[in-house]
Amino acid sequence: MYQTLKKSKKLVAWLLGLTLTTTAIVEFSVVANGADKQPFSVLQQTKQKEGEIVLKGSNGQYTGHVVVRGTQRAAWSVLTDYDNFERYMPNVIESKLLQSSGNRKVFEQVQLFQLVLVSRRARVKIVVTENPPNSLKFKVVEGEVKALEGGWQIKPLAANLFLISHQVSVEPDIKSSINRRLFYSVYEDTLENTFAAIRQEIAQRSKVN
């Protein structure tokens, strides 16, 4: 896991207006520690337990994986329900689909970060290219980060069992090396919370479908 500075997380999230990645890439290679690339299929050969969240990377280059039980329809709907991300994505308080043209979507979301009695809102606009029902890629075109792009992939493993994978590259608009490290620390924890939320939402929607 990551070397985090626990005492600074809420403060940094407020000061930096951390932008959460909520949607994103498809056929991609795994970048471990921001360097060595391996075929994505290598990860499928690991004995990852159902429900276990595995995160790798550092300094703005991350990959994540979780094995979930449910339906592919539910998994796809969780990753593309742009009008309802505030219901289950961490810190998201508003989310709205702005444009839809074929497999290209544009949505806007607002996140809220709070420190005691002080709160900070961060608004971002994201362009998504969908490849249903297995993958999608994204890029932030407006927001409080210098760059943010990546993707999600849904890989069937067995009947009603899927590997949900995520790759993301993020660069904050911050010059201070100390604040950049704090930003990445908060971002890493946010990624883990996002995977947990997605896992839970897929399970709930699968029971209904």
Protein backbone atom coordinates (compact mmCIF):
# COMPACT_ATOMS: atom_id res chain seq x y z
CA MET A 1 0.00 0.00 0.00
CA TYR A 2 0.93 3.61 0.13
CA GLN A 3 2.98 5.65 2.56
CA THR A 4 0.40 8.19 3.62
CA LEU A 5 0.41 11.18 5.91
CA LYS A 6 -2.79 10.47 7.81
CA LYS A 7 -2.85 13.64 9.85
CA SER A 8 -2.76 15.85 6.74
CA LYS A 9 -5.44 14.22 4.56
CA LYS A 10 -8.51 16.32 5.33
CA LEU A 11 -6.50 19.54 5.37
CA VAL A 12 -4.83 18.81 2.04
CA ALA A 13 -8.11 17.81 0.40
CA TRP A 14 -9.58 21.14 1.45
CA LEU A 15 -6.56 23.20 0.39
CA LEU A 16 -5.98 21.49 -2.93
CA GLY A 17 -9.60 20.91 -3.98
CA LEU A 18 -8.80 17.31 -4.86
CA THR A 19 -10.50 16.17 -8.06
CA LEU A 20 -11.82 12.62 -7.87
CA THR A 21 -11.55 10.35 -10.85
CA THR A 22 -14.91 8.79 -11.48
CA THR A 23 -14.82 7.59 -14.98
CA ALA A 24 -12.27 6.36 -17.48
CA ILE A 25 -9.73 3.75 -20.11
CA VAL A 26 -10.15 0.60 -21.66
CA GLU A 27 -7.55 -1.71 -23.20
CA PHE A 28 -4.47 -0.54 -21.31
CA SER A 29 -1.15 -1.78 -19.94
CA VAL A 30 -0.42 -1.79 -16.23
CA VAL A 31 2.07 0.82 -15.03
CA ALA A 32 3.65 -0.31 -11.80
CA ASN A 33 5.41 2.40 -9.80
CA GLY A 34 5.12 4.70 -12.80
CA ALA A 35 7.56 2.64 -14.85
CA ASP A 36 7.60 -1.03 -15.93
CA LYS A 37 4.75 -2.04 -18.22
CA GLN A 38 3.22 -5.51 -18.17
CA PRO A 39 0.41 -7.04 -20.24
CA PHE A 40 -2.93 -6.62 -18.51
CA SER A 41 -3.52 -10.38 -18.70
CA VAL A 42 -0.74 -10.96 -16.18
CA LEU A 43 -2.94 -9.52 -13.44
CA GLN A 44 -5.73 -11.92 -14.31
CA GLN A 45 -3.40 -14.80 -13.45
CA THR A 46 -2.94 -13.61 -9.88
CA LYS A 47 -4.96 -15.20 -7.11
CA GLN A 48 -6.84 -12.09 -6.10
CA LYS A 49 -9.66 -12.78 -3.67
CA GLU A 50 -13.22 -11.79 -4.43
CA GLY A 51 -13.85 -8.30 -3.05
CA GLU A 52 -10.15 -7.59 -2.43
CA ILE A 53 -8.97 -4.17 -3.63
CA VAL A 54 -5.44 -4.07 -5.09
CA LEU A 55 -3.83 -0.70 -5.82
CA LYS A 56 -0.40 -0.08 -7.32
CA GLY A 57 1.61 2.94 -8.38
CA SER A 58 2.88 6.27 -7.12
CA ASN A 59 3.42 9.91 -8.07
CA GLY A 60 0.28 10.22 -10.15
CA GLN A 61 0.48 6.90 -12.06
CA TYR A 62 -1.93 4.31 -10.63
CA THR A 63 -3.67 1.06 -11.42
CA GLY A 64 -6.34 -0.68 -9.36
CA HIS A 65 -8.29 -3.93 -9.47
CA VAL A 66 -11.13 -5.59 -7.65
CA VAL A 67 -12.94 -8.88 -8.30
CA VAL A 68 -16.69 -8.41 -7.91
CA ARG A 69 -19.67 -10.72 -8.08
CA GLY A 70 -22.70 -9.43 -9.96
CA THR A 71 -24.00 -8.88 -13.47
CA GLN A 72 -22.19 -7.17 -16.32
CA ARG A 73 -25.23 -4.97 -16.87
CA ALA A 74 -25.00 -3.74 -13.27
CA ALA A 75 -21.24 -3.17 -13.49
CA TRP A 76 -21.60 -1.12 -16.67
CA SER A 77 -24.44 0.95 -15.26
CA VAL A 78 -22.43 1.80 -12.13
CA LEU A 79 -19.53 3.18 -14.19
CA THR A 80 -21.76 5.17 -16.57
CA ASP A 81 -24.59 6.49 -14.39
CA TYR A 82 -23.36 10.07 -14.75
CA ASP A 83 -26.53 11.67 -13.42
CA ASN A 84 -26.35 9.73 -10.15
CA PHE A 85 -22.69 9.57 -9.12
CA GLU A 86 -23.51 11.65 -6.06
CA ARG A 87 -25.52 8.71 -4.71
CA TYR A 88 -22.53 6.39 -4.30
CA MET A 89 -19.22 8.01 -5.32
CA PRO A 90 -17.12 9.42 -2.42
CA ASN A 91 -17.25 13.21 -1.97
CA VAL A 92 -19.43 13.79 -5.06
CA ILE A 93 -22.40 16.03 -4.27
CA GLU A 94 -23.53 16.89 -7.81
CA SER A 95 -23.23 15.07 -11.13
CA LYS A 96 -24.97 15.83 -14.40
CA LEU A 97 -24.74 14.57 -17.98
CA LEU A 98 -24.29 17.58 -20.25
CA GLN A 99 -23.90 16.03 -23.71
CA SER A 100 -24.50 12.64 -25.29
CA SER A 101 -23.51 11.85 -28.87
CA GLY A 102 -23.12 8.17 -29.68
CA ASN A 103 -20.38 6.74 -27.51
CA ARG A 104 -19.13 10.19 -26.51
CA LYS A 105 -20.43 11.68 -23.27
CA VAL A 106 -19.66 14.89 -21.40
CA PHE A 107 -20.62 15.28 -17.76
CA GLU A 108 -19.95 17.71 -14.95
CA GLN A 109 -19.59 16.96 -11.28
CA VAL A 110 -19.00 18.82 -8.03
CA GLN A 111 -17.14 17.41 -5.06
CA LEU A 112 -17.22 18.63 -1.49
CA PHE A 113 -14.32 18.44 0.96
CA GLN A 114 -14.82 19.59 4.52
CA LEU A 115 -12.48 20.51 7.37
CA VAL A 116 -14.32 21.10 10.65
CA LEU A 117 -16.61 24.05 9.80
CA VAL A 118 -14.90 24.98 6.54
CA SER A 119 -15.78 23.32 3.22
CA ARG A 120 -14.35 23.49 -0.28
CA ARG A 121 -16.13 22.65 -3.55
CA ALA A 122 -14.38 21.47 -6.70
CA ARG A 123 -16.13 21.41 -10.08
CA VAL A 124 -14.81 19.42 -13.06
CA LYS A 125 -15.94 18.62 -16.60
CA ILE A 126 -15.10 15.19 -18.01
CA VAL A 127 -15.25 13.80 -21.56
CA VAL A 128 -15.92 10.06 -21.79
CA THR A 129 -15.59 7.66 -24.71
CA GLU A 130 -17.58 4.49 -24.09
CA ASN A 131 -16.99 1.02 -25.49
CA PRO A 132 -19.97 -0.90 -24.06
CA PRO A 133 -20.29 -3.17 -22.27
CA ASN A 134 -16.66 -3.62 -21.26
CA SER A 135 -14.72 -0.38 -21.10
CA LEU A 136 -14.57 3.39 -21.26
CA LYS A 137 -11.95 6.09 -21.31
CA PHE A 138 -12.01 9.64 -19.96
CA LYS A 139 -10.21 12.94 -19.85
CA VAL A 140 -10.84 15.98 -17.69
CA VAL A 141 -11.16 19.12 -19.83
CA GLU A 142 -11.94 21.59 -17.05
CA GLY A 143 -11.08 21.41 -13.37
CA GLU A 144 -8.61 22.03 -10.57
CA VAL A 145 -5.92 19.64 -11.79
CA LYS A 146 -3.32 20.16 -14.49
CA ALA A 147 -4.05 16.81 -16.14
CA LEU A 148 -6.24 13.78 -15.42
CA GLU A 149 -7.07 10.86 -17.70
CA GLY A 150 -7.41 7.11 -17.62
CA GLY A 151 -10.07 4.41 -17.77
CA TRP A 152 -12.14 1.50 -16.48
CA GLN A 153 -12.37 -2.05 -17.77
CA ILE A 154 -14.83 -4.84 -16.99
CA LYS A 155 -13.28 -8.28 -17.63
CA PRO A 156 -15.47 -11.42 -17.25
CA LEU A 157 -13.74 -14.16 -15.22
CA ALA A 158 -16.58 -16.64 -14.69
CA ALA A 159 -20.35 -16.67 -14.42
CA ASN A 160 -21.32 -13.45 -12.62
CA LEU A 161 -17.70 -12.79 -11.63
CA PHE A 162 -15.76 -9.85 -13.05
CA LEU A 163 -12.40 -8.13 -12.70
CA ILE A 164 -12.99 -4.38 -12.50
CA SER A 165 -9.77 -2.57 -13.39
CA HIS A 166 -8.78 1.06 -13.40
CA GLN A 167 -5.82 3.00 -14.74
CA VAL A 168 -5.31 6.71 -14.15
CA SER A 169 -2.68 9.38 -14.67
CA VAL A 170 -3.07 12.57 -12.65
CA GLU A 171 -0.95 15.69 -12.28
CA PRO A 172 -1.95 18.45 -9.85
CA ASP A 173 -1.50 22.11 -10.70
CA ILE A 174 0.91 22.46 -7.77
CA LYS A 175 4.60 23.45 -7.79
CA SER A 176 5.51 22.72 -4.17
CA SER A 177 7.02 19.23 -3.86
CA ILE A 178 5.62 18.86 -0.34
CA ASN A 179 2.09 19.77 -1.39
CA ARG A 180 2.35 17.47 -4.42
CA ARG A 181 3.22 14.55 -2.14
CA LEU A 182 0.29 15.39 0.11
CA PHE A 183 -2.00 15.62 -2.91
CA TYR A 184 -0.97 12.14 -4.07
CA SER A 185 -1.42 10.75 -0.56
CA VAL A 186 -5.02 11.95 -0.44
CA TYR A 187 -5.65 10.87 -4.02
CA GLU A 188 -4.47 7.32 -3.29
CA ASP A 189 -6.87 6.94 -0.38
CA THR A 190 -9.68 8.38 -2.49
CA LEU A 191 -9.04 5.71 -5.12
CA GLU A 192 -9.45 2.96 -2.55
CA ASN A 193 -12.71 4.47 -1.31
CA THR A 194 -13.95 4.69 -4.91
CA PHE A 195 -13.27 1.01 -5.53
CA ALA A 196 -15.11 0.08 -2.34
CA ALA A 197 -18.10 2.20 -3.36
CA ILE A 198 -18.21 0.69 -6.86
CA ARG A 199 -17.97 -2.85 -5.48
CA GLN A 200 -20.89 -2.22 -3.14
CA GLU A 201 -23.06 -0.52 -5.77
CA ILE A 202 -22.53 -3.33 -8.29
CA ALA A 203 -23.61 -5.87 -5.69
CA GLN A 204 -26.76 -3.90 -4.87
CA ARG A 205 -27.77 -3.35 -8.51
CA SER A 206 -27.11 -6.99 -9.38
CA LYS A 207 -29.71 -8.08 -6.83
CA VAL A 208 -32.32 -5.93 -8.55
CA ASN A 209 -31.48 -6.92 -12.15
